Protein backbone atom coordinates (compact mmCIF):
# COMPACT_ATOMS: atom_id res chain seq x y z
CA MET A 1 -4.61 13.11 -6.40
CA ASN A 2 -7.10 12.59 -3.08
CA PHE A 3 -6.40 9.07 -2.04
CA ILE A 4 -9.10 7.44 0.34
CA PHE A 5 -8.04 5.97 3.66
CA GLU A 6 -9.48 3.15 5.67
CA SER A 7 -8.04 1.23 8.37
CA ASN A 8 -6.51 -1.40 5.94
CA ARG A 9 -6.60 -0.07 2.60
CA ILE A 10 -5.73 3.23 0.67
CA PHE A 11 -7.23 3.94 -2.82
CA TYR A 12 -8.46 6.19 -5.64
CA GLN A 13 -11.31 6.28 -7.91
CA VAL A 14 -12.89 8.70 -10.01
CA ASP A 15 -16.90 8.47 -10.84
CA GLY A 16 -17.23 5.21 -9.10
CA LYS A 17 -14.35 3.77 -11.06
CA LEU A 18 -11.42 2.19 -8.99
CA LEU A 19 -7.99 3.35 -10.39
CA ALA A 20 -5.32 2.77 -8.05
CA GLU A 21 -5.41 0.51 -4.36
CA ILE A 22 -3.06 -1.16 -1.94
CA THR A 23 -4.58 -3.45 0.53
CA PHE A 24 -2.84 -4.16 4.01
CA PRO A 25 -5.08 -6.45 6.14
CA GLN A 26 -3.64 -7.27 9.55
CA THR A 27 -2.57 -10.82 9.79
CA GLN A 28 -1.66 -11.04 13.33
CA LYS A 29 -1.68 -8.77 16.49
CA GLY A 30 0.13 -5.89 15.28
CA VAL A 31 1.21 -7.01 12.25
CA PHE A 32 0.05 -5.84 8.60
CA CYS A 33 0.69 -7.70 5.28
CA ILE A 34 0.64 -5.46 2.09
CA ASP A 35 -0.92 -8.40 0.02
CA HIS A 36 -2.10 -6.31 -3.10
CA THR A 37 -1.33 -3.23 -4.62
CA PHE A 38 -2.92 -2.04 -8.15
CA VAL A 39 -2.60 0.81 -10.74
CA ASP A 40 -4.88 1.44 -13.60
CA SER A 41 -2.62 1.34 -16.93
CA SER A 42 -3.50 4.99 -17.68
CA LEU A 43 -1.44 6.26 -14.29
CA ARG A 44 1.46 3.76 -14.69
CA GLY A 45 4.62 5.25 -14.75
CA GLN A 46 3.23 8.18 -12.64
CA GLY A 47 5.18 6.81 -9.32
CA ILE A 48 1.67 5.79 -7.97
CA ALA A 49 2.44 2.66 -6.69
CA ASN A 50 5.39 3.86 -5.10
CA LYS A 51 3.27 6.63 -3.38
CA LEU A 52 0.80 3.63 -1.89
CA VAL A 53 3.26 1.54 -0.50
CA GLU A 54 4.88 4.52 1.20
CA LEU A 55 1.68 5.58 2.32
CA ALA A 56 0.77 2.27 3.64
CA VAL A 57 3.98 1.80 5.58
CA LYS A 58 3.42 5.14 7.33
CA GLN A 59 -0.09 4.55 8.36
CA ILE A 60 1.07 0.78 9.83
CA LEU A 61 4.28 2.43 11.46
CA ASN A 62 1.86 5.02 12.85
CA GLN A 63 -0.08 2.26 14.32
CA ASN A 64 3.06 1.00 15.79
CA GLY A 65 2.48 -2.16 13.50
CA ARG A 66 4.93 -4.65 11.97
CA VAL A 67 4.86 -4.00 8.14
CA VAL A 68 5.59 -7.79 6.08
CA ALA A 69 4.47 -8.03 2.36
CA THR A 70 3.27 -10.77 -0.07
CA CYS A 71 2.89 -8.57 -3.21
CA SER A 72 6.02 -8.71 -4.97
CA TYR A 73 5.92 -4.97 -5.87
CA ALA A 74 5.67 -3.91 -1.89
CA GLN A 75 8.57 -6.26 -1.24
CA LYS A 76 10.83 -5.07 -3.48
CA TRP A 77 9.79 -1.58 -2.05
CA LEU A 78 10.79 -2.74 1.38
CA HIS A 79 13.74 -4.60 0.83
CA GLU A 80 14.79 -1.30 -1.58
CA HIS A 81 13.72 1.44 1.23
CA GLY A 82 15.19 -0.62 4.23
CA GLN A 83 12.56 -1.71 5.59
CA GLU A 84 12.55 -5.14 7.91
CA LEU A 85 9.99 -7.88 6.51
């Protein structure tokens, strides 16, 4: 799966149709909030949301940023993976 990376968003689309996405705007200097995770029903159950959060956290940490989340899926993921909120 070839994800498209932007500064505050990672997504996957086919023929212009959005099939998976995570957004993490910078809410304060150095603080990025994962506020939205979406996976189309056609891709559910394949670990896509897990991969999106993993990639977002990696991208944020590579920028020496701090990760917070308002998205319930991301909050659960961060807790399960021992990441600070």
